[in-house]
N, C-alpha and C. Protein backbone atom coordinates (compact mmCIF):
# COMPACT_ATOMS: atom_id res chain seq x y z
N MET A 1 10.67 33.70 -19.45
CA MET A 1 11.57 34.73 -19.00
C MET A 1 11.10 35.22 -17.63
N PRO A 2 11.94 35.12 -16.61
CA PRO A 2 11.52 35.57 -15.28
C PRO A 2 11.35 37.08 -15.22
N LEU A 3 10.47 37.50 -14.33
CA LEU A 3 10.21 38.92 -14.16
C LEU A 3 11.34 39.59 -13.39
N THR A 4 11.63 40.82 -13.73
CA THR A 4 12.63 41.59 -13.00
C THR A 4 11.97 42.21 -11.77
N LYS A 5 12.77 42.73 -10.86
CA LYS A 5 12.23 43.37 -9.66
C LYS A 5 11.39 44.58 -10.02
N LYS A 6 11.81 45.32 -11.03
CA LYS A 6 11.07 46.50 -11.47
C LYS A 6 9.71 46.10 -12.04
N GLN A 7 9.67 45.03 -12.81
CA GLN A 7 8.42 44.55 -13.37
C GLN A 7 7.49 44.03 -12.28
N ILE A 8 8.04 43.35 -11.29
CA ILE A 8 7.22 42.86 -10.18
C ILE A 8 6.61 44.03 -9.42
N ARG A 9 7.38 45.09 -9.19
CA ARG A 9 6.83 46.29 -8.54
C ARG A 9 5.69 46.88 -9.35
N GLN A 10 5.86 46.93 -10.66
CA GLN A 10 4.82 47.45 -11.53
C GLN A 10 3.56 46.59 -11.43
N LEU A 11 3.71 45.28 -11.48
CA LEU A 11 2.56 44.38 -11.41
C LEU A 11 1.88 44.44 -10.04
N LYS A 12 2.66 44.59 -8.97
CA LYS A 12 2.07 44.72 -7.64
C LYS A 12 1.19 45.96 -7.55
N SER A 13 1.62 47.05 -8.16
CA SER A 13 0.81 48.26 -8.13
C SER A 13 -0.48 48.08 -8.93
N LEU A 14 -0.43 47.29 -9.99
CA LEU A 14 -1.63 47.04 -10.80
C LEU A 14 -2.59 46.06 -10.12
N VAL A 15 -2.06 45.09 -9.41
CA VAL A 15 -2.90 44.05 -8.81
C VAL A 15 -3.53 44.51 -7.50
N HIS A 16 -3.01 45.58 -6.93
CA HIS A 16 -3.48 46.02 -5.61
C HIS A 16 -4.99 46.25 -5.57
N HIS A 17 -5.56 46.86 -6.58
CA HIS A 17 -6.98 47.20 -6.56
C HIS A 17 -7.89 46.08 -7.08
N LEU A 18 -7.31 44.99 -7.57
CA LEU A 18 -8.12 43.90 -8.13
C LEU A 18 -8.73 43.04 -7.03
N ASN A 19 -9.87 42.46 -7.33
CA ASN A 19 -10.49 41.47 -6.45
C ASN A 19 -10.14 40.08 -6.96
N PRO A 20 -10.12 39.07 -6.08
CA PRO A 20 -9.86 37.71 -6.56
C PRO A 20 -10.93 37.27 -7.56
N VAL A 21 -10.49 36.77 -8.70
CA VAL A 21 -11.43 36.33 -9.74
C VAL A 21 -11.62 34.82 -9.72
N VAL A 22 -10.69 34.11 -9.10
CA VAL A 22 -10.81 32.66 -8.94
C VAL A 22 -10.65 32.37 -7.46
N ILE A 23 -11.56 31.56 -6.93
CA ILE A 23 -11.49 31.16 -5.52
C ILE A 23 -11.38 29.65 -5.48
N ILE A 24 -10.31 29.17 -4.88
CA ILE A 24 -10.09 27.72 -4.77
C ILE A 24 -10.69 27.26 -3.45
N GLY A 25 -11.72 26.45 -3.53
CA GLY A 25 -12.47 26.02 -2.36
C GLY A 25 -12.01 24.69 -1.80
N GLN A 26 -12.95 24.00 -1.19
CA GLN A 26 -12.65 22.77 -0.48
C GLN A 26 -12.21 21.62 -1.38
N ASN A 27 -12.56 21.68 -2.67
CA ASN A 27 -12.17 20.61 -3.59
C ASN A 27 -10.73 20.77 -4.08
N GLY A 28 -10.11 21.89 -3.78
CA GLY A 28 -8.71 22.10 -4.16
C GLY A 28 -8.54 22.41 -5.63
N LEU A 29 -7.37 22.08 -6.14
CA LEU A 29 -7.03 22.35 -7.53
C LEU A 29 -7.49 21.21 -8.43
N THR A 30 -8.63 21.41 -9.05
CA THR A 30 -9.17 20.41 -9.97
C THR A 30 -8.84 20.85 -11.40
N ASP A 31 -9.13 19.99 -12.35
CA ASP A 31 -8.92 20.34 -13.76
C ASP A 31 -9.76 21.54 -14.16
N ALA A 32 -10.96 21.63 -13.62
CA ALA A 32 -11.83 22.77 -13.93
C ALA A 32 -11.23 24.07 -13.41
N VAL A 33 -10.63 24.03 -12.23
CA VAL A 33 -10.00 25.22 -11.65
C VAL A 33 -8.80 25.64 -12.50
N PHE A 34 -7.97 24.67 -12.87
CA PHE A 34 -6.82 24.99 -13.73
C PHE A 34 -7.28 25.58 -15.06
N ASN A 35 -8.36 25.04 -15.62
CA ASN A 35 -8.89 25.55 -16.87
C ASN A 35 -9.37 26.99 -16.71
N GLU A 36 -10.06 27.29 -15.61
CA GLU A 36 -10.55 28.65 -15.35
C GLU A 36 -9.39 29.63 -15.16
N ILE A 37 -8.35 29.20 -14.44
CA ILE A 37 -7.17 30.04 -14.25
C ILE A 37 -6.50 30.32 -15.59
N ASP A 38 -6.40 29.30 -16.43
CA ASP A 38 -5.78 29.44 -17.75
C ASP A 38 -6.56 30.44 -18.61
N ILE A 39 -7.87 30.33 -18.62
CA ILE A 39 -8.71 31.25 -19.40
C ILE A 39 -8.56 32.68 -18.88
N THR A 40 -8.56 32.82 -17.56
CA THR A 40 -8.46 34.15 -16.96
C THR A 40 -7.10 34.78 -17.24
N LEU A 41 -6.03 33.99 -17.18
CA LEU A 41 -4.70 34.51 -17.50
C LEU A 41 -4.61 34.93 -18.97
N ASN A 42 -5.23 34.17 -19.86
CA ASN A 42 -5.22 34.54 -21.27
C ASN A 42 -5.94 35.87 -21.50
N THR A 43 -6.99 36.09 -20.75
CA THR A 43 -7.80 37.29 -20.93
C THR A 43 -7.18 38.51 -20.27
N HIS A 44 -6.76 38.36 -19.00
CA HIS A 44 -6.34 39.51 -18.21
C HIS A 44 -4.83 39.60 -17.97
N GLU A 45 -4.11 38.52 -18.13
CA GLU A 45 -2.67 38.41 -17.88
C GLU A 45 -2.30 38.49 -16.40
N LEU A 46 -3.00 39.28 -15.63
CA LEU A 46 -2.71 39.46 -14.21
C LEU A 46 -3.97 39.14 -13.42
N VAL A 47 -3.89 38.13 -12.54
CA VAL A 47 -5.06 37.70 -11.78
C VAL A 47 -4.72 37.53 -10.31
N LYS A 48 -5.74 37.72 -9.51
CA LYS A 48 -5.64 37.50 -8.08
C LYS A 48 -6.50 36.28 -7.76
N ILE A 49 -5.93 35.35 -6.99
CA ILE A 49 -6.61 34.10 -6.68
C ILE A 49 -6.65 33.91 -5.17
N ARG A 50 -7.83 33.54 -4.65
CA ARG A 50 -7.97 33.25 -3.23
C ARG A 50 -7.77 31.76 -3.02
N LEU A 51 -6.83 31.41 -2.14
CA LEU A 51 -6.49 30.01 -1.86
C LEU A 51 -7.01 29.66 -0.47
N ASN A 52 -8.13 28.95 -0.42
CA ASN A 52 -8.71 28.56 0.86
C ASN A 52 -8.09 27.24 1.31
N ALA A 53 -6.85 27.31 1.72
CA ALA A 53 -6.12 26.13 2.20
C ALA A 53 -5.90 26.28 3.70
N GLY A 54 -5.72 25.16 4.36
CA GLY A 54 -5.60 25.15 5.80
C GLY A 54 -4.36 25.82 6.35
N ASP A 55 -3.20 25.46 5.82
CA ASP A 55 -1.96 26.00 6.39
C ASP A 55 -1.05 26.56 5.29
N ARG A 56 0.02 27.16 5.72
CA ARG A 56 0.95 27.83 4.81
C ARG A 56 1.58 26.87 3.82
N ASP A 57 1.96 25.68 4.27
CA ASP A 57 2.59 24.70 3.37
C ASP A 57 1.62 24.26 2.27
N GLU A 58 0.37 24.08 2.62
CA GLU A 58 -0.64 23.68 1.63
C GLU A 58 -0.86 24.79 0.60
N ARG A 59 -0.88 26.05 1.07
CA ARG A 59 -1.02 27.18 0.14
C ARG A 59 0.19 27.25 -0.79
N GLN A 60 1.37 27.06 -0.25
CA GLN A 60 2.58 27.11 -1.07
C GLN A 60 2.58 26.01 -2.12
N THR A 61 2.09 24.84 -1.75
CA THR A 61 1.97 23.73 -2.71
C THR A 61 1.01 24.10 -3.83
N MET A 62 -0.10 24.75 -3.49
CA MET A 62 -1.06 25.20 -4.51
C MET A 62 -0.44 26.25 -5.42
N ILE A 63 0.28 27.19 -4.84
CA ILE A 63 0.94 28.24 -5.63
C ILE A 63 1.93 27.63 -6.61
N ASP A 64 2.74 26.69 -6.14
CA ASP A 64 3.71 26.03 -7.01
C ASP A 64 3.01 25.27 -8.14
N ALA A 65 1.90 24.60 -7.82
CA ALA A 65 1.16 23.84 -8.83
C ALA A 65 0.57 24.78 -9.88
N ILE A 66 0.04 25.93 -9.46
CA ILE A 66 -0.51 26.89 -10.42
C ILE A 66 0.59 27.43 -11.33
N CYS A 67 1.72 27.77 -10.74
CA CYS A 67 2.84 28.29 -11.55
C CYS A 67 3.29 27.26 -12.58
N ASN A 68 3.41 26.02 -12.16
CA ASN A 68 3.89 24.96 -13.07
C ASN A 68 2.85 24.60 -14.12
N GLN A 69 1.61 24.38 -13.70
CA GLN A 69 0.56 23.91 -14.60
C GLN A 69 0.15 24.99 -15.61
N CYS A 70 0.09 26.23 -15.15
CA CYS A 70 -0.41 27.32 -16.01
C CYS A 70 0.71 28.16 -16.61
N HIS A 71 1.96 27.81 -16.33
CA HIS A 71 3.13 28.54 -16.84
C HIS A 71 3.03 30.03 -16.48
N ALA A 72 2.69 30.28 -15.22
CA ALA A 72 2.52 31.65 -14.73
C ALA A 72 3.63 31.98 -13.75
N GLU A 73 3.79 33.27 -13.48
CA GLU A 73 4.77 33.75 -12.51
C GLU A 73 4.03 34.29 -11.30
N LEU A 74 4.52 33.95 -10.12
CA LEU A 74 3.96 34.49 -8.90
C LEU A 74 4.43 35.92 -8.75
N VAL A 75 3.48 36.84 -8.58
CA VAL A 75 3.80 38.25 -8.40
C VAL A 75 3.86 38.57 -6.91
N GLN A 76 2.87 38.06 -6.17
CA GLN A 76 2.77 38.40 -4.76
C GLN A 76 1.88 37.38 -4.07
N SER A 77 2.20 37.09 -2.82
CA SER A 77 1.37 36.21 -2.01
C SER A 77 1.26 36.81 -0.62
N ILE A 78 0.02 37.13 -0.23
CA ILE A 78 -0.23 37.68 1.09
C ILE A 78 -1.39 36.90 1.69
N GLY A 79 -1.11 36.19 2.76
CA GLY A 79 -2.16 35.40 3.41
C GLY A 79 -2.74 34.37 2.49
N HIS A 80 -4.05 34.43 2.32
CA HIS A 80 -4.75 33.45 1.48
C HIS A 80 -4.94 33.93 0.04
N VAL A 81 -4.31 35.03 -0.33
CA VAL A 81 -4.47 35.58 -1.68
C VAL A 81 -3.12 35.64 -2.38
N ALA A 82 -3.11 35.19 -3.63
CA ALA A 82 -1.88 35.21 -4.44
C ALA A 82 -2.20 35.84 -5.79
N ALA A 83 -1.22 36.54 -6.34
CA ALA A 83 -1.37 37.17 -7.66
C ALA A 83 -0.41 36.51 -8.63
N PHE A 84 -0.90 36.24 -9.84
CA PHE A 84 -0.12 35.56 -10.86
C PHE A 84 -0.14 36.37 -12.15
N TYR A 85 0.95 36.24 -12.92
CA TYR A 85 1.06 36.94 -14.20
C TYR A 85 1.54 35.97 -15.26
N ARG A 86 0.93 36.06 -16.42
CA ARG A 86 1.42 35.35 -17.61
C ARG A 86 1.12 36.23 -18.82
N ALA A 87 2.17 36.56 -19.55
CA ALA A 87 2.02 37.41 -20.73
C ALA A 87 1.25 36.67 -21.82
N ASN A 88 0.42 37.41 -22.53
CA ASN A 88 -0.30 36.88 -23.67
C ASN A 88 0.34 37.47 -24.93
N PRO A 89 1.15 36.67 -25.65
CA PRO A 89 1.86 37.22 -26.81
C PRO A 89 0.93 37.62 -27.96
N ASP A 90 -0.25 37.00 -28.05
CA ASP A 90 -1.17 37.30 -29.15
C ASP A 90 -1.95 38.58 -28.92
N ASN A 91 -2.29 38.86 -27.67
CA ASN A 91 -3.12 40.01 -27.35
C ASN A 91 -2.66 40.62 -26.03
N PRO A 92 -1.52 41.33 -26.01
CA PRO A 92 -0.99 41.85 -24.75
C PRO A 92 -1.91 42.89 -24.14
N VAL A 93 -2.10 42.77 -22.83
CA VAL A 93 -2.95 43.70 -22.09
C VAL A 93 -2.10 44.66 -21.27
N ILE A 94 -1.01 44.14 -20.72
CA ILE A 94 -0.13 44.92 -19.85
C ILE A 94 1.21 45.13 -20.54
N ALA A 95 1.65 46.37 -20.61
CA ALA A 95 2.97 46.68 -21.17
C ALA A 95 3.96 46.79 -20.00
N LEU A 96 4.80 45.79 -19.87
CA LEU A 96 5.78 45.79 -18.78
C LEU A 96 6.96 46.69 -19.13
N THR A 97 7.50 47.31 -18.10
CA THR A 97 8.71 48.13 -18.29
C THR A 97 9.89 47.22 -18.58
N ARG A 98 10.83 47.74 -19.30
CA ARG A 98 12.06 46.99 -19.61
C ARG A 98 13.21 47.62 -18.83
N ASP A 99 14.08 46.77 -18.35
CA ASP A 99 15.24 47.28 -17.60
C ASP A 99 16.38 47.61 -18.52
């Protein structure tokens, strides 16, 4: 289920104070990185990731791959940092507003 504009605003306010918990380095998106992102999303639902990619197109490709592989939603992308959200139905951490 895609996020509504109101929910995205709520998540942006929550992610603002967070530090990146996953940093994608020179090796790019490996299976280990995807596994770490998956574990972090299960635990926190909302994560900030630093994408150390050369140009904007490469960062966008990484963002798309993370969304597809981890079944996450992009909340915000500013420069080399992107925020992702995936609800955990078994152990919800964030209560999203309903429209």
